Each structure stands twice: as C-alpha cells, then as structure tokens.
Amino acid sequence: MRPEIEKIARDFTKDIKKLYGKKLVSIFLYGSAAGEDYIPGKSDINFLVVLEEINVGDLDLYLKKRSKWERKKVVTPLFLTEDYIRRSLDVFPIEFLDLKEKHVTLYGKDLLAELTIDPANLRLQIESEIKGKLLRLRQSYMELEGKPKKVKKLLDIALSSLTPAFRNLLRLVGEEVPLSKPEILEKIARRFALDPDLFGRWWRLKTGEMKASAAEIRKLFGDIHEEIEKLMDIVDGLKV
C-alpha cells in the first residue's frame, strides 16, 4: 500500500470506528488503491464497510463525514452486512471475486478471504455481461448514427466496462490474470483465438497512443463487434 493511501486508510478507519462502534464488523480497502494500478490524483479510493445491520440512520451517520473524505478522493463507501454478502455470492460473483482477489483488511475479520464462488454462477454472470454489453454497443451505435467521434467514445466506454468480465473469464478457465489491462486484453485474445492485434489497437485508441481516421474508427468498431460476438458464443458454450 502506498504511504499516502496508508494514511488515508488509517484515518478513515478511525472515523468509521467512532461512528459505528460495536455495530462495526469489518473495514476493507479495495480496488486500484489496494493494488498496483493506483494513479495518484486520478484514481478513486474505495472502502467497504461491513456492519451487523444497516438502517437509514446508519447511512445518515456517514453523511456527516462524506464531504471530508470526498476531498481526499474517497468515494462513498460500500455498506454491506455479512448476511447480504453470504446471500449475494450467486448474484454478483464477479464483484465479490474481485473484492476477494484485491483487498486490504483494515479492521475486523477478513470475511472476503473466506468467500467461495461457484464457477457456474461466475460463468453465467460473465455471459450476461458480455451479451448485455454487445447489445448496448449495437443500440448506442445506432443512436449515435455511427458518427466516428462518438463511436470512439463508445469504444472507450465498452473497453472499460468489459474488462472485469475479461479478467474473470481468465480466472474461470484457470489462467493467471495479468496486472495490466493491455496484458489482459492480449491474453483473452490469444486464449480464445481472437485477434490480439485488434485488441491491442483498441487499447491504444483508448489511451491516445494511436490516432485513427473516421473510416478506421468505423472499421475498428465493426471488427471489435465481430470479435465480441465470437467471445459471447464461446462463453455461452463453456463447461465449468
């Protein structure tokens, strides 16, 4: 953990302990700030607070401190109970697996390390995410009338929104998940016989490393749409 994050996490934990006392079960740091892809001044800082129970009064308590922590790039924490976590693993396997894989326990027991995700539920959510994003790509393309500048932004958003599904798809098939997003894209492409060069260009377009003409953006969109459709069919037929 970076020194500046460590200080924020320590102070945040102190505030939360004062606010919730005996109702507090655990506090976790998660997301980029808990790993190696944190960008100072740009990345948000994410906390998960687990309470014995949650009511509106508990949410109001945090509102007293919200503006203080927002100034330090801390987004509104995720408030959960142990019961909610236990009963939601089948519905949100991607989210809970990400929490399990990348978190720091700041207070209380490490509930996240103990989580067990059913591979069948994980495959189903990955399929749902890819199919849903593919539909959204098509719909948005038509709504934007195929205008290249807007399609470029659409591709940027799609890449960010699909990365969690890609990362967890690698986990599902027993592959080691790379730390960086471009490496994840390359590994997904090679593992499932897609086009790694296309995925690389998709990443470089998003980061500004590659410039593309209007015609090139439209072609790139079409090619990416085709590859995502192929991946959708592969995931649909996966046996786990």
Protein backbone atom coordinates (compact mmCIF):
# COMPACT_ATOMS: atom_id res chain seq x y z
CA MET A 1 0.00 0.00 0.00
CA ARG A 2 1.33 3.45 -0.94
CA PRO A 3 2.23 5.68 2.07
CA GLU A 4 -0.40 8.31 1.20
CA ILE A 5 -3.07 5.61 0.90
CA GLU A 6 -1.97 4.07 4.17
CA LYS A 7 -2.50 7.38 5.97
CA ILE A 8 -5.94 7.93 4.42
CA ALA A 9 -6.93 4.34 5.25
CA ARG A 10 -5.79 4.73 8.84
CA ASP A 11 -7.69 8.00 9.33
CA PHE A 12 -10.78 6.67 7.56
CA THR A 13 -10.79 3.59 9.80
CA LYS A 14 -10.56 5.79 12.87
CA ASP A 15 -13.60 7.82 11.76
CA ILE A 16 -15.68 4.73 10.93
CA LYS A 17 -14.90 3.09 14.26
CA LYS A 18 -16.10 6.22 16.07
CA LEU A 19 -19.28 6.40 14.00
CA TYR A 20 -20.40 2.78 14.33
CA GLY A 21 -18.79 1.37 17.45
CA LYS A 22 -19.98 -2.15 18.28
CA LYS A 23 -22.06 -2.41 15.09
CA LEU A 24 -18.87 -2.41 13.03
CA VAL A 25 -17.74 -5.83 11.77
CA SER A 26 -15.01 -5.09 9.23
CA ILE A 27 -13.44 -2.38 7.05
CA PHE A 28 -11.70 -3.13 3.76
CA LEU A 29 -9.77 -1.11 1.21
CA TYR A 30 -10.41 -2.43 -2.30
CA GLY A 31 -9.96 -1.50 -5.95
CA SER A 32 -6.95 0.19 -7.53
CA ALA A 33 -5.77 1.72 -4.23
CA ALA A 34 -5.36 -1.81 -2.86
CA GLY A 35 -3.20 -2.88 -5.80
CA GLU A 36 -0.50 -1.69 -8.17
CA ASP A 37 -2.59 0.22 -10.72
CA TYR A 38 -3.39 3.17 -8.45
CA ILE A 39 -2.72 6.56 -10.10
CA PRO A 40 -2.16 9.36 -7.54
CA GLY A 41 -4.57 12.26 -8.01
CA LYS A 42 -6.68 10.36 -10.55
CA SER A 43 -7.75 7.03 -9.11
CA ASP A 44 -10.59 6.89 -6.61
CA ILE A 45 -10.12 5.28 -3.20
CA ASN A 46 -12.70 2.63 -2.34
CA PHE A 47 -13.71 1.26 1.04
CA LEU A 48 -16.13 -1.48 2.06
CA VAL A 49 -17.74 -1.17 5.49
CA VAL A 50 -19.45 -4.24 6.96
CA LEU A 51 -21.98 -3.62 9.74
CA GLU A 52 -24.07 -6.05 11.80
CA GLU A 53 -27.17 -4.42 10.34
CA ILE A 54 -27.86 -1.34 8.25
CA ASN A 55 -30.67 1.20 8.54
CA VAL A 56 -31.16 4.68 7.13
CA GLY A 57 -29.82 6.18 10.37
CA ASP A 58 -26.52 4.39 9.75
CA LEU A 59 -26.32 5.91 6.28
CA ASP A 60 -27.08 9.35 7.71
CA LEU A 61 -24.18 8.95 10.13
CA TYR A 62 -21.71 8.65 7.27
CA LEU A 63 -23.16 11.70 5.53
CA LYS A 64 -21.66 13.80 8.31
CA LYS A 65 -18.19 12.79 7.10
CA ARG A 66 -18.84 12.37 3.38
CA SER A 67 -17.60 15.75 2.15
CA LYS A 68 -14.43 15.43 4.23
CA TRP A 69 -13.49 12.17 2.55
CA GLU A 70 -14.60 13.17 -0.94
CA ARG A 71 -11.97 15.91 -0.87
CA LYS A 72 -9.40 13.12 -0.50
CA LYS A 73 -10.74 11.14 -3.48
CA VAL A 74 -12.61 8.66 -1.28
CA VAL A 75 -15.85 7.67 -2.97
CA THR A 76 -18.95 6.88 -0.92
CA PRO A 77 -18.16 3.53 0.75
CA LEU A 78 -19.95 0.31 0.02
CA PHE A 79 -22.02 -0.57 3.10
CA LEU A 80 -22.91 -4.27 3.45
CA THR A 81 -23.83 -6.80 6.10
CA GLU A 82 -22.43 -10.33 6.47
CA ASP A 83 -25.85 -11.73 5.61
CA TYR A 84 -26.08 -9.68 2.42
CA ILE A 85 -22.64 -10.88 1.34
CA ARG A 86 -23.44 -14.52 2.03
CA ARG A 87 -26.77 -14.39 0.16
CA SER A 88 -25.46 -12.42 -2.84
CA LEU A 89 -22.50 -14.53 -3.97
CA ASP A 90 -24.66 -16.26 -6.57
CA VAL A 91 -25.94 -12.95 -7.99
CA PHE A 92 -22.70 -10.90 -8.01
CA PRO A 93 -19.88 -13.45 -8.37
CA ILE A 94 -17.71 -11.10 -10.47
CA GLU A 95 -17.92 -8.27 -7.97
CA PHE A 96 -17.25 -10.47 -4.95
CA LEU A 97 -14.43 -12.36 -6.65
CA ASP A 98 -12.79 -9.03 -7.48
CA LEU A 99 -13.17 -8.00 -3.84
CA LYS A 100 -11.68 -11.28 -2.69
CA GLU A 101 -8.70 -11.03 -5.03
CA LYS A 102 -7.83 -7.37 -4.37
CA HIS A 103 -8.45 -6.04 -0.87
CA VAL A 104 -6.68 -4.98 2.30
CA THR A 105 -8.31 -5.70 5.67
CA LEU A 106 -8.14 -2.55 7.79
CA TYR A 107 -10.30 -3.66 10.70
CA GLY A 108 -12.10 -6.77 11.93
CA LYS A 109 -12.23 -10.23 10.43
CA ASP A 110 -11.29 -10.91 6.84
CA LEU A 111 -14.68 -12.02 5.52
CA LEU A 112 -13.61 -11.57 1.91
CA ALA A 113 -10.77 -14.10 2.03
CA GLU A 114 -13.27 -16.77 3.09
CA LEU A 115 -15.64 -16.28 0.14
CA THR A 116 -16.31 -19.25 -2.13
CA ILE A 117 -17.60 -18.51 -5.63
CA ASP A 118 -19.49 -21.15 -7.60
CA PRO A 119 -17.88 -21.36 -11.09
CA ALA A 120 -21.30 -21.95 -12.68
CA ASN A 121 -22.60 -18.66 -11.26
CA LEU A 122 -19.44 -16.88 -12.40
CA ARG A 123 -19.77 -18.21 -15.95
CA LEU A 124 -23.41 -17.15 -16.06
CA GLN A 125 -22.65 -13.58 -14.99
CA ILE A 126 -19.75 -13.31 -17.45
CA GLU A 127 -22.07 -14.46 -20.22
CA SER A 128 -24.69 -11.94 -19.11
CA GLU A 129 -22.16 -9.09 -19.01
CA ILE A 130 -20.78 -9.82 -22.48
CA LYS A 131 -24.21 -10.29 -24.05
CA GLY A 132 -25.51 -7.14 -22.38
CA LYS A 133 -22.55 -5.04 -23.48
CA LEU A 134 -22.84 -6.34 -27.03
CA LEU A 135 -26.50 -5.30 -27.17
CA ARG A 136 -25.59 -1.91 -25.74
CA LEU A 137 -22.86 -1.46 -28.36
CA ARG A 138 -25.34 -2.09 -31.17
CA GLN A 139 -28.03 0.15 -29.71
CA SER A 140 -25.65 3.00 -28.95
CA TYR A 141 -24.06 2.81 -32.40
CA MET A 142 -27.46 3.36 -33.99
CA GLU A 143 -28.39 6.10 -31.53
CA LEU A 144 -25.11 7.87 -32.35
CA GLU A 145 -25.78 7.39 -36.08
CA GLY A 146 -22.31 5.89 -36.47
CA LYS A 147 -20.60 9.28 -36.03
CA PRO A 148 -16.88 8.48 -35.65
CA LYS A 149 -16.02 10.79 -32.74
CA LYS A 150 -18.95 9.49 -30.71
CA VAL A 151 -18.23 5.90 -31.74
CA LYS A 152 -14.67 6.34 -30.49
CA LYS A 153 -16.04 7.32 -27.06
CA LEU A 154 -18.40 4.37 -27.21
CA LEU A 155 -15.46 2.03 -27.78
CA ASP A 156 -13.61 3.62 -24.83
CA ILE A 157 -16.56 3.01 -22.52
CA ALA A 158 -17.05 -0.53 -23.81
CA LEU A 159 -13.43 -1.43 -23.14
CA SER A 160 -13.63 -0.24 -19.54
CA SER A 161 -16.95 -1.95 -18.91
CA LEU A 162 -15.88 -5.28 -20.42
CA THR A 163 -12.51 -5.54 -18.63
CA PRO A 164 -13.98 -7.05 -15.40
CA ALA A 165 -15.69 -9.76 -17.46
CA PHE A 166 -12.45 -10.45 -19.35
CA ARG A 167 -10.46 -10.64 -16.12
CA ASN A 168 -12.88 -13.06 -14.52
CA LEU A 169 -13.17 -15.15 -17.67
CA LEU A 170 -9.44 -15.81 -17.40
CA ARG A 171 -9.91 -16.83 -13.77
CA LEU A 172 -12.79 -19.10 -14.74
CA VAL A 173 -10.65 -21.09 -17.18
CA GLY A 174 -7.74 -21.34 -14.76
CA GLU A 175 -5.47 -18.74 -16.33
CA GLU A 176 -3.28 -16.41 -14.28
CA VAL A 177 -4.68 -12.88 -14.58
CA PRO A 178 -2.15 -10.22 -15.65
CA LEU A 179 -1.97 -7.00 -13.65
CA SER A 180 -2.27 -4.56 -16.56
CA LYS A 181 -5.29 -4.08 -18.79
CA PRO A 182 -3.40 -4.36 -22.11
CA GLU A 183 -1.96 -7.68 -20.95
CA ILE A 184 -5.44 -8.88 -20.00
CA LEU A 185 -6.71 -7.97 -23.48
CA GLU A 186 -3.84 -9.76 -25.20
CA LYS A 187 -4.27 -12.87 -23.06
CA ILE A 188 -8.04 -13.00 -23.65
CA ALA A 189 -7.46 -12.71 -27.40
CA ARG A 190 -4.81 -15.44 -27.51
CA ARG A 191 -6.60 -17.79 -25.09
CA PHE A 192 -9.83 -17.73 -27.10
CA ALA A 193 -8.35 -17.49 -30.62
CA LEU A 194 -9.43 -13.89 -31.18
CA ASP A 195 -7.36 -11.14 -32.82
CA PRO A 196 -4.67 -9.87 -30.37
CA ASP A 197 -3.60 -7.10 -32.76
CA LEU A 198 -7.18 -5.80 -32.90
CA PHE A 199 -7.46 -5.80 -29.10
CA GLY A 200 -4.11 -4.01 -28.89
CA ARG A 201 -5.31 -1.30 -31.27
CA TRP A 202 -8.49 -0.97 -29.23
CA TRP A 203 -6.39 -0.24 -26.14
CA ARG A 204 -4.04 2.18 -27.93
CA LEU A 205 -7.00 4.09 -29.36
CA LYS A 206 -8.45 4.49 -25.85
CA THR A 207 -5.16 5.72 -24.36
CA GLY A 208 -4.42 8.08 -27.24
CA GLU A 209 -1.33 6.16 -28.35
CA MET A 210 -2.99 5.56 -31.70
CA LYS A 211 -4.80 8.02 -33.95
CA ALA A 212 -7.46 6.82 -36.35
CA SER A 213 -9.39 8.36 -39.22
CA ALA A 214 -13.17 8.31 -39.35
CA ALA A 215 -13.10 5.32 -41.68
CA GLU A 216 -10.62 3.47 -39.45
CA ILE A 217 -12.78 4.04 -36.36
CA ARG A 218 -15.85 2.67 -38.12
CA LYS A 219 -13.93 -0.38 -39.32
CA LEU A 220 -12.44 -0.91 -35.86
CA PHE A 221 -15.91 -0.83 -34.35
CA GLY A 222 -17.13 -3.43 -36.81
CA ASP A 223 -14.17 -5.71 -36.18
CA ILE A 224 -14.49 -5.41 -32.39
CA HIS A 225 -18.21 -6.09 -32.59
CA GLU A 226 -17.45 -9.28 -34.52
CA GLU A 227 -14.82 -10.47 -32.03
CA ILE A 228 -17.04 -9.80 -29.01
CA GLU A 229 -19.80 -11.78 -30.73
CA LYS A 230 -17.37 -14.69 -31.16
CA LEU A 231 -16.38 -14.49 -27.50
CA MET A 232 -20.04 -14.42 -26.48
CA ASP A 233 -20.62 -17.72 -28.30
CA ILE A 234 -17.54 -19.26 -26.68
CA VAL A 235 -18.62 -18.28 -23.16
CA ASP A 236 -22.16 -19.49 -23.85
CA GLY A 237 -20.78 -22.96 -24.58
CA LEU A 238 -18.21 -23.16 -21.76
CA LYS A 239 -18.48 -26.17 -19.47
CA VAL A 240 -17.39 -25.50 -15.86
